[in-house]
Amino acid sequence: MSGLSTLQLIIAVTALAGLASILIAASLSLGFLSKMIDTMVSFSVGILLATAFLHSLPEAFAMPNTNPSILFAALLMGLLGFFLLEKIALLRHSHHHEGDGHHHHQGHDAEMAGSSGWTILVGDSLHNFVDGILIAAAFMVNMQVGIFTALAIIAHEIPQEVGDFIVLLNAGFSKARALLYNLISSSLAVLGGVLAYFFLERAHHIMPYLLVIASSSFIYIAVSDLIPQMHRRPHWRESLRQIVLIGCGIGVVILLSR
């Protein structure tokens, strides 16, 4: 397999892997699931936390030549960084409506709620970038390893993308905007694949830190935005449903990761 054909395969497979996972997730979450967003928020919490703690973080800490102390520092900085980004977005929103003479009810503005949507898109873009690096590295071993790696990535990306769609819809994004931004985010896999082809050693060096920062966005959204929203419905039946759906989200990630 020549160098040119390897690069072409990497571009094609990273693009197809991203597109397949997005379209499958969109068919699930933008259809009947979009009609019960409040219920599916709990499912999304399970997916996001399981993706971070059972998939991305273990993968980052298992990579060679990594310093756990530095990775934990990156996780802390990621959490604080996403907090600051959301705080800036909310402050801008507050300043925009200051003194406009109107009473704005809670949740009236999709831009205010959308701060969590932008945070999840940043984390997902970093995660897709790393997936592209993994696919490229696998194809540079041989074609069979590359194909199996791409299939495995599609499998674990589907539940995460479903969770992302639910977060975006819950944050006030329209179905069309949620699909468009997820497609743009998935294109980062192609960029990661191409850069890894030319700079594989350097790409491997930054992969654990990108995975940790991506994980921090999933954790931050789940803990700071979605779980408090769930606490606003404290009835015991609703609480039991939330616990079951969180467990279902975790179970889906575990099942597809295996």
C-alpha atoms as a PDB file:
ATOM      1  CA  MET A   1       0.000   0.000   0.000  1.00  0.00           C
ATOM      2  CA  SER A   2       1.673   3.232  -1.120  1.00  0.00           C
ATOM      3  CA  GLY A   3       1.960   6.322   1.078  1.00  0.00           C
ATOM      4  CA  LEU A   4      -0.576   8.183  -1.061  1.00  0.00           C
ATOM      5  CA  SER A   5      -3.180   5.398  -0.859  1.00  0.00           C
ATOM      6  CA  THR A   6      -2.704   5.172   2.908  1.00  0.00           C
ATOM      7  CA  LEU A   7      -3.402   8.892   3.274  1.00  0.00           C
ATOM      8  CA  GLN A   8      -6.448   8.612   1.022  1.00  0.00           C
ATOM      9  CA  LEU A   9      -7.755   5.711   3.124  1.00  0.00           C
ATOM     10  CA  ILE A  10      -7.233   7.652   6.335  1.00  0.00           C
ATOM     11  CA  ILE A  11      -9.163  10.660   4.981  1.00  0.00           C
ATOM     12  CA  ALA A  12     -11.988   8.521   3.600  1.00  0.00           C
ATOM     13  CA  VAL A  13     -12.396   6.305   6.664  1.00  0.00           C
ATOM     14  CA  THR A  14     -12.183   9.114   9.236  1.00  0.00           C
ATOM     15  CA  ALA A  15     -14.799  11.074   7.264  1.00  0.00           C
ATOM     16  CA  LEU A  16     -17.080   8.037   6.888  1.00  0.00           C
ATOM     17  CA  ALA A  17     -16.675   7.012  10.537  1.00  0.00           C
ATOM     18  CA  GLY A  18     -17.663  10.471  11.730  1.00  0.00           C
ATOM     19  CA  LEU A  19     -20.560  10.714   9.288  1.00  0.00           C
ATOM     20  CA  ALA A  20     -21.891   7.250  10.141  1.00  0.00           C
ATOM     21  CA  SER A  21     -21.861   7.827  13.903  1.00  0.00           C
ATOM     22  CA  ILE A  22     -23.489  11.264  13.527  1.00  0.00           C
ATOM     23  CA  LEU A  23     -26.249  10.069  11.192  1.00  0.00           C
ATOM     24  CA  ILE A  24     -27.080   7.001  13.300  1.00  0.00           C
ATOM     25  CA  ALA A  25     -27.125   9.088  16.480  1.00  0.00           C
ATOM     26  CA  ALA A  26     -29.202  11.782  14.763  1.00  0.00           C
ATOM     27  CA  SER A  27     -31.756   9.247  13.561  1.00  0.00           C
ATOM     28  CA  LEU A  28     -32.217   8.175  17.188  1.00  0.00           C
ATOM     29  CA  SER A  29     -32.028  11.453  19.067  1.00  0.00           C
ATOM     30  CA  LEU A  30     -33.642  13.852  16.584  1.00  0.00           C
ATOM     31  CA  GLY A  31     -36.618  11.559  16.026  1.00  0.00           C
ATOM     32  CA  PHE A  32     -38.793  10.201  18.803  1.00  0.00           C
ATOM     33  CA  LEU A  33     -36.218  10.957  21.519  1.00  0.00           C
ATOM     34  CA  SER A  34     -36.461  14.697  20.799  1.00  0.00           C
ATOM     35  CA  LYS A  35     -40.067  14.623  22.014  1.00  0.00           C
ATOM     36  CA  MET A  36     -39.041  13.607  25.533  1.00  0.00           C
ATOM     37  CA  ILE A  37     -35.944  15.714  26.166  1.00  0.00           C
ATOM     38  CA  ASP A  38     -36.618  16.157  29.897  1.00  0.00           C
ATOM     39  CA  THR A  39     -36.635  12.388  30.364  1.00  0.00           C
ATOM     40  CA  MET A  40     -33.625  11.744  28.142  1.00  0.00           C
ATOM     41  CA  VAL A  41     -31.446  14.255  30.007  1.00  0.00           C
ATOM     42  CA  SER A  42     -30.899  11.540  32.652  1.00  0.00           C
ATOM     43  CA  PHE A  43     -29.872   9.068  29.936  1.00  0.00           C
ATOM     44  CA  SER A  44     -27.437  11.660  28.588  1.00  0.00           C
ATOM     45  CA  VAL A  45     -25.882  12.099  32.055  1.00  0.00           C
ATOM     46  CA  GLY A  46     -25.158   8.373  32.191  1.00  0.00           C
ATOM     47  CA  ILE A  47     -23.616   8.400  28.721  1.00  0.00           C
ATOM     48  CA  LEU A  48     -21.422  11.460  29.319  1.00  0.00           C
ATOM     49  CA  LEU A  49     -20.108  10.299  32.706  1.00  0.00           C
ATOM     50  CA  ALA A  50     -19.511   6.739  31.506  1.00  0.00           C
ATOM     51  CA  THR A  51     -17.709   7.980  28.382  1.00  0.00           C
ATOM     52  CA  ALA A  52     -15.445  10.148  30.523  1.00  0.00           C
ATOM     53  CA  PHE A  53     -14.734   7.797  33.450  1.00  0.00           C
ATOM     54  CA  LEU A  54     -14.919   4.379  31.784  1.00  0.00           C
ATOM     55  CA  HIS A  55     -13.544   5.122  28.316  1.00  0.00           C
ATOM     56  CA  SER A  56     -11.631   8.358  27.710  1.00  0.00           C
ATOM     57  CA  LEU A  57      -9.829   8.844  31.041  1.00  0.00           C
ATOM     58  CA  PRO A  58      -8.667   5.202  31.382  1.00  0.00           C
ATOM     59  CA  GLU A  59      -7.448   5.355  27.776  1.00  0.00           C
ATOM     60  CA  ALA A  60      -5.522   8.561  28.478  1.00  0.00           C
ATOM     61  CA  PHE A  61      -3.909   7.245  31.694  1.00  0.00           C
ATOM     62  CA  ALA A  62      -2.983   3.934  30.016  1.00  0.00           C
ATOM     63  CA  MET A  63      -0.948   5.614  27.278  1.00  0.00           C
ATOM     64  CA  PRO A  64       2.840   5.266  27.613  1.00  0.00           C
ATOM     65  CA  ASN A  65       5.079   8.052  28.872  1.00  0.00           C
ATOM     66  CA  THR A  66       2.268   9.927  30.646  1.00  0.00           C
ATOM     67  CA  ASN A  67       2.531  11.575  34.057  1.00  0.00           C
ATOM     68  CA  PRO A  68      -0.637  10.992  36.130  1.00  0.00           C
ATOM     69  CA  SER A  69      -0.059  14.198  38.107  1.00  0.00           C
ATOM     70  CA  ILE A  70       0.045  16.260  34.923  1.00  0.00           C
ATOM     71  CA  LEU A  71      -3.051  14.500  33.550  1.00  0.00           C
ATOM     72  CA  PHE A  72      -4.971  15.230  36.771  1.00  0.00           C
ATOM     73  CA  ALA A  73      -3.795  18.852  36.534  1.00  0.00           C
ATOM     74  CA  ALA A  74      -5.084  18.952  32.940  1.00  0.00           C
ATOM     75  CA  LEU A  75      -8.431  17.560  34.135  1.00  0.00           C
ATOM     76  CA  LEU A  76      -8.648  20.257  36.808  1.00  0.00           C
ATOM     77  CA  MET A  77      -7.704  22.993  34.341  1.00  0.00           C
ATOM     78  CA  GLY A  78     -10.249  21.654  31.856  1.00  0.00           C
ATOM     79  CA  LEU A  79     -13.051  21.790  34.436  1.00  0.00           C
ATOM     80  CA  LEU A  80     -12.087  25.309  35.502  1.00  0.00           C
ATOM     81  CA  GLY A  81     -11.660  26.380  31.885  1.00  0.00           C
ATOM     82  CA  PHE A  82     -15.142  25.243  30.893  1.00  0.00           C
ATOM     83  CA  PHE A  83     -16.536  26.920  34.016  1.00  0.00           C
ATOM     84  CA  LEU A  84     -14.931  30.203  32.941  1.00  0.00           C
ATOM     85  CA  LEU A  85     -16.183  29.833  29.360  1.00  0.00           C
ATOM     86  CA  GLU A  86     -19.743  29.301  30.560  1.00  0.00           C
ATOM     87  CA  LYS A  87     -19.440  32.144  33.071  1.00  0.00           C
ATOM     88  CA  ILE A  88     -18.293  34.521  30.332  1.00  0.00           C
ATOM     89  CA  ALA A  89     -21.213  33.449  28.134  1.00  0.00           C
ATOM     90  CA  LEU A  90     -23.704  34.041  30.947  1.00  0.00           C
ATOM     91  CA  LEU A  91     -22.159  37.419  31.848  1.00  0.00           C
ATOM     92  CA  ARG A  92     -22.371  38.521  28.220  1.00  0.00           C
ATOM     93  CA  HIS A  93     -25.996  37.451  28.129  1.00  0.00           C
ATOM     94  CA  SER A  94     -26.746  39.357  31.352  1.00  0.00           C
ATOM     95  CA  HIS A  95     -25.041  42.509  30.047  1.00  0.00           C
ATOM     96  CA  HIS A  96     -26.896  42.243  26.726  1.00  0.00           C
ATOM     97  CA  HIS A  97     -30.298  42.386  28.457  1.00  0.00           C
ATOM     98  CA  GLU A  98     -29.324  44.851  31.177  1.00  0.00           C
ATOM     99  CA  GLY A  99     -31.680  47.818  31.221  1.00  0.00           C
ATOM    100  CA  ASP A 100     -33.703  46.739  28.187  1.00  0.00           C
ATOM    101  CA  GLY A 101     -36.918  47.297  30.129  1.00  0.00           C
ATOM    102  CA  HIS A 102     -38.187  43.759  29.662  1.00  0.00           C
ATOM    103  CA  HIS A 103     -38.734  40.983  32.163  1.00  0.00           C
ATOM    104  CA  HIS A 104     -37.068  37.845  30.827  1.00  0.00           C
ATOM    105  CA  HIS A 105     -38.388  34.579  32.247  1.00  0.00           C
ATOM    106  CA  GLN A 106     -35.929  31.810  33.069  1.00  0.00           C
ATOM    107  CA  GLY A 107     -34.826  29.860  30.033  1.00  0.00           C
ATOM    108  CA  HIS A 108     -36.306  32.372  27.586  1.00  0.00           C
ATOM    109  CA  ASP A 109     -33.129  32.755  25.595  1.00  0.00           C
ATOM    110  CA  ALA A 110     -31.589  29.799  23.798  1.00  0.00           C
ATOM    111  CA  GLU A 111     -28.258  31.630  23.813  1.00  0.00           C
ATOM    112  CA  MET A 112     -28.177  31.572  27.605  1.00  0.00           C
ATOM    113  CA  ALA A 113     -28.953  27.873  27.799  1.00  0.00           C
ATOM    114  CA  GLY A 114     -26.767  27.300  24.772  1.00  0.00           C
ATOM    115  CA  SER A 115     -23.573  27.898  26.739  1.00  0.00           C
ATOM    116  CA  SER A 116     -23.694  24.238  27.793  1.00  0.00           C
ATOM    117  CA  GLY A 117     -24.213  23.307  24.144  1.00  0.00           C
ATOM    118  CA  TRP A 118     -21.050  25.098  23.069  1.00  0.00           C
ATOM    119  CA  THR A 119     -19.093  23.460  25.892  1.00  0.00           C
ATOM    120  CA  ILE A 120     -20.142  19.980  24.798  1.00  0.00           C
ATOM    121  CA  LEU A 121     -19.219  20.795  21.190  1.00  0.00           C
ATOM    122  CA  VAL A 122     -15.697  21.815  22.227  1.00  0.00           C
ATOM    123  CA  GLY A 123     -15.207  18.570  24.131  1.00  0.00           C
ATOM    124  CA  ASP A 124     -16.695  16.477  21.336  1.00  0.00           C
ATOM    125  CA  SER A 125     -14.440  18.154  18.751  1.00  0.00           C
ATOM    126  CA  LEU A 126     -11.332  17.270  20.784  1.00  0.00           C
ATOM    127  CA  HIS A 127     -12.603  13.705  21.189  1.00  0.00           C
ATOM    128  CA  ASN A 128     -13.176  13.378  17.430  1.00  0.00           C
ATOM    129  CA  PHE A 129      -9.693  14.777  16.759  1.00  0.00           C
ATOM    130  CA  VAL A 130      -8.193  12.018  18.923  1.00  0.00           C
ATOM    131  CA  ASP A 131     -10.336   9.390  17.160  1.00  0.00           C
ATOM    132  CA  GLY A 132      -8.846  10.530  13.866  1.00  0.00           C
ATOM    133  CA  ILE A 133      -5.340  10.069  15.274  1.00  0.00           C
ATOM    134  CA  LEU A 134      -6.226   6.544  16.431  1.00  0.00           C
ATOM    135  CA  ILE A 135      -7.628   5.569  13.027  1.00  0.00           C
ATOM    136  CA  ALA A 136      -4.563   6.950  11.234  1.00  0.00           C
ATOM    137  CA  ALA A 137      -2.181   5.106  13.551  1.00  0.00           C
ATOM    138  CA  ALA A 138      -4.085   1.869  12.977  1.00  0.00           C
ATOM    139  CA  PHE A 139      -4.039   2.206   9.182  1.00  0.00           C
ATOM    140  CA  MET A 140      -0.303   2.826   9.298  1.00  0.00           C
ATOM    141  CA  VAL A 141       0.006  -0.654  10.841  1.00  0.00           C
ATOM    142  CA  ASN A 142      -2.156  -2.322   8.193  1.00  0.00           C
ATOM    143  CA  MET A 143      -5.530  -1.981   6.500  1.00  0.00           C
ATOM    144  CA  GLN A 144      -7.294  -4.648   8.562  1.00  0.00           C
ATOM    145  CA  VAL A 145      -6.310  -3.054  11.876  1.00  0.00           C
ATOM    146  CA  GLY A 146      -7.438   0.323  10.530  1.00  0.00           C
ATOM    147  CA  ILE A 147     -10.877  -0.960   9.515  1.00  0.00           C
ATOM    148  CA  PHE A 148     -11.473  -2.720  12.838  1.00  0.00           C
ATOM    149  CA  THR A 149     -10.358   0.395  14.716  1.00  0.00           C
ATOM    150  CA  ALA A 150     -12.749   2.555  12.710  1.00  0.00           C
ATOM    151  CA  LEU A 151     -15.654   0.166  13.399  1.00  0.00           C
ATOM    152  CA  ALA A 152     -14.852   0.157  17.115  1.00  0.00           C
ATOM    153  CA  ILE A 153     -14.760   3.955  17.161  1.00  0.00           C
ATOM    154  CA  ILE A 154     -18.127   4.183  15.380  1.00  0.00           C
ATOM    155  CA  ALA A 155     -19.610   1.799  17.977  1.00  0.00           C
ATOM    156  CA  HIS A 156     -18.468   3.818  20.978  1.00  0.00           C
ATOM    157  CA  GLU A 157     -19.187   7.177  19.314  1.00  0.00           C
ATOM    158  CA  ILE A 158     -22.892   6.465  18.695  1.00  0.00           C
ATOM    159  CA  PRO A 159     -24.057   6.621  22.343  1.00  0.00           C
ATOM    160  CA  GLN A 160     -21.815   9.628  23.016  1.00  0.00           C
ATOM    161  CA  GLU A 161     -23.253  11.464  19.989  1.00  0.00           C
ATOM    162  CA  VAL A 162     -26.789  10.617  21.159  1.00  0.00           C
ATOM    163  CA  GLY A 163     -25.888  12.203  24.495  1.00  0.00           C
ATOM    164  CA  ASP A 164     -24.461  15.250  22.712  1.00  0.00           C
ATOM    165  CA  PHE A 165     -27.606  15.699  20.610  1.00  0.00           C
ATOM    166  CA  ILE A 166     -29.772  15.532  23.732  1.00  0.00           C
ATOM    167  CA  VAL A 167     -27.585  18.162  25.443  1.00  0.00           C
ATOM    168  CA  LEU A 168     -27.813  20.461  22.404  1.00  0.00           C
ATOM    169  CA  LEU A 169     -31.592  20.107  22.095  1.00  0.00           C
ATOM    170  CA  ASN A 170     -31.958  20.661  25.836  1.00  0.00           C
ATOM    171  CA  ALA A 171     -29.789  23.794  25.505  1.00  0.00           C
ATOM    172  CA  GLY A 172     -32.174  25.297  22.953  1.00  0.00           C
ATOM    173  CA  PHE A 173     -30.481  24.341  19.681  1.00  0.00           C
ATOM    174  CA  SER A 174     -32.827  23.546  16.810  1.00  0.00           C
ATOM    175  CA  LYS A 175     -32.604  20.079  15.255  1.00  0.00           C
ATOM    176  CA  ALA A 176     -30.969  21.528  12.142  1.00  0.00           C
ATOM    177  CA  ARG A 177     -28.343  23.468  14.131  1.00  0.00           C
ATOM    178  CA  ALA A 178     -27.613  20.473  16.349  1.00  0.00           C
ATOM    179  CA  LEU A 179     -27.039  18.285  13.283  1.00  0.00           C
ATOM    180  CA  LEU A 180     -24.928  20.915  11.492  1.00  0.00           C
ATOM    181  CA  TYR A 181     -22.628  21.594  14.450  1.00  0.00           C
ATOM    182  CA  ASN A 182     -22.189  17.892  15.156  1.00  0.00           C
ATOM    183  CA  LEU A 183     -21.217  17.319  11.523  1.00  0.00           C
ATOM    184  CA  ILE A 184     -18.668  20.140  11.770  1.00  0.00           C
ATOM    185  CA  SER A 185     -17.353  18.634  15.015  1.00  0.00           C
ATOM    186  CA  SER A 186     -17.007  15.222  13.380  1.00  0.00           C
ATOM    187  CA  SER A 187     -14.817  16.741  10.634  1.00  0.00           C
ATOM    188  CA  LEU A 188     -12.097  17.200  13.261  1.00  0.00           C
ATOM    189  CA  ALA A 189     -11.501  13.451  12.981  1.00  0.00           C
ATOM    190  CA  VAL A 190     -10.295  13.984   9.413  1.00  0.00           C
ATOM    191  CA  LEU A 191      -7.936  16.739  10.567  1.00  0.00           C
ATOM    192  CA  GLY A 192      -6.615  14.501  13.345  1.00  0.00           C
ATOM    193  CA  GLY A 193      -6.068  11.672  10.884  1.00  0.00           C
ATOM    194  CA  VAL A 194      -4.180  13.814   8.369  1.00  0.00           C
ATOM    195  CA  LEU A 195      -1.967  15.438  11.013  1.00  0.00           C
ATOM    196  CA  ALA A 196      -1.244  12.047  12.570  1.00  0.00           C
ATOM    197  CA  TYR A 197      -0.177  10.706   9.173  1.00  0.00           C
ATOM    198  CA  PHE A 198       2.500  13.388   8.912  1.00  0.00           C
ATOM    199  CA  PHE A 199       3.331  13.898  12.608  1.00  0.00           C
ATOM    200  CA  LEU A 200       2.368  10.623  14.281  1.00  0.00           C
ATOM    201  CA  GLU A 201       4.938  10.781  17.095  1.00  0.00           C
ATOM    202  CA  ARG A 202       3.934  14.320  18.110  1.00  0.00           C
ATOM    203  CA  ALA A 203       0.233  13.481  17.744  1.00  0.00           C
ATOM    204  CA  HIS A 204       0.611  10.529  20.119  1.00  0.00           C
ATOM    205  CA  HIS A 205       2.322  12.824  22.612  1.00  0.00           C
ATOM    206  CA  ILE A 206      -0.657  15.198  22.945  1.00  0.00           C
ATOM    207  CA  MET A 207      -3.422  12.542  22.709  1.00  0.00           C
ATOM    208  CA  PRO A 208      -3.746  11.840  26.453  1.00  0.00           C
ATOM    209  CA  TYR A 209      -4.112  15.548  27.254  1.00  0.00           C
ATOM    210  CA  LEU A 210      -6.749  16.054  24.556  1.00  0.00           C
ATOM    211  CA  LEU A 211      -8.691  13.062  25.898  1.00  0.00           C
ATOM    212  CA  VAL A 212      -8.530  14.438  29.444  1.00  0.00           C
ATOM    213  CA  ILE A 213      -9.732  17.904  28.376  1.00  0.00           C
ATOM    214  CA  ALA A 214     -12.539  16.352  26.312  1.00  0.00           C
ATOM    215  CA  SER A 215     -13.509  14.279  29.359  1.00  0.00           C
ATOM    216  CA  SER A 216     -13.562  17.393  31.529  1.00  0.00           C
ATOM    217  CA  SER A 217     -16.198  18.919  29.227  1.00  0.00           C
ATOM    218  CA  PHE A 218     -18.414  15.815  29.511  1.00  0.00           C
ATOM    219  CA  ILE A 219     -18.051  15.766  33.305  1.00  0.00           C
ATOM    220  CA  TYR A 220     -18.657  19.505  33.619  1.00  0.00           C
ATOM    221  CA  ILE A 221     -21.841  19.477  31.526  1.00  0.00           C
ATOM    222  CA  ALA A 222     -23.242  16.444  33.353  1.00  0.00           C
ATOM    223  CA  VAL A 223     -22.476  17.708  36.854  1.00  0.00           C
ATOM    224  CA  SER A 224     -22.998  21.466  36.551  1.00  0.00           C
ATOM    225  CA  ASP A 225     -25.844  21.729  34.028  1.00  0.00           C
ATOM    226  CA  LEU A 226     -27.784  18.483  33.634  1.00  0.00           C
ATOM    227  CA  ILE A 227     -27.843  17.030  37.172  1.00  0.00           C
ATOM    228  CA  PRO A 228     -29.038  20.322  38.773  1.00  0.00           C
ATOM    229  CA  GLN A 229     -31.778  20.400  36.142  1.00  0.00           C
ATOM    230  CA  MET A 230     -32.804  16.879  37.194  1.00  0.00           C
ATOM    231  CA  HIS A 231     -32.936  17.949  40.855  1.00  0.00           C
ATOM    232  CA  ARG A 232     -35.717  20.409  40.020  1.00  0.00           C
ATOM    233  CA  ARG A 233     -38.052  17.402  39.693  1.00  0.00           C
ATOM    234  CA  PRO A 234     -37.697  15.788  43.163  1.00  0.00           C
ATOM    235  CA  HIS A 235     -40.763  13.492  43.091  1.00  0.00           C
ATOM    236  CA  TRP A 236     -39.865   9.903  43.990  1.00  0.00           C
ATOM    237  CA  ARG A 237     -41.247   8.410  40.761  1.00  0.00           C
ATOM    238  CA  GLU A 238     -39.305  10.906  38.666  1.00  0.00           C
ATOM    239  CA  SER A 239     -36.179  10.311  40.758  1.00  0.00           C
ATOM    240  CA  LEU A 240     -36.459   6.555  40.240  1.00  0.00           C
ATOM    241  CA  ARG A 241     -36.871   7.063  36.499  1.00  0.00           C
ATOM    242  CA  GLN A 242     -33.780   9.291  36.466  1.00  0.00           C
ATOM    243  CA  ILE A 243     -31.681   6.684  38.289  1.00  0.00           C
ATOM    244  CA  VAL A 244     -32.807   3.945  35.880  1.00  0.00           C
ATOM    245  CA  LEU A 245     -32.043   6.087  32.819  1.00  0.00           C
ATOM    246  CA  ILE A 246     -28.594   7.047  34.150  1.00  0.00           C
ATOM    247  CA  GLY A 247     -27.910   3.333  34.614  1.00  0.00           C
ATOM    248  CA  CYS A 248     -29.126   2.645  31.065  1.00  0.00           C
ATOM    249  CA  GLY A 249     -26.774   5.282  29.667  1.00  0.00           C
ATOM    250  CA  ILE A 250     -23.833   3.782  31.567  1.00  0.00           C
ATOM    251  CA  GLY A 251     -24.825   0.283  30.444  1.00  0.00           C
ATOM    252  CA  VAL A 252     -24.946   1.278  26.763  1.00  0.00           C
ATOM    253  CA  VAL A 253     -21.409   2.725  26.922  1.00  0.00           C
ATOM    254  CA  ILE A 254     -20.078  -0.380  28.721  1.00  0.00           C
ATOM    255  CA  LEU A 255     -21.781  -2.718  26.249  1.00  0.00           C
ATOM    256  CA  LEU A 256     -20.502  -0.963  23.136  1.00  0.00           C
ATOM    257  CA  SER A 257     -17.024  -0.439  24.623  1.00  0.00           C
ATOM    258  CA  ARG A 258     -16.713  -4.195  25.001  1.00  0.00           C
END
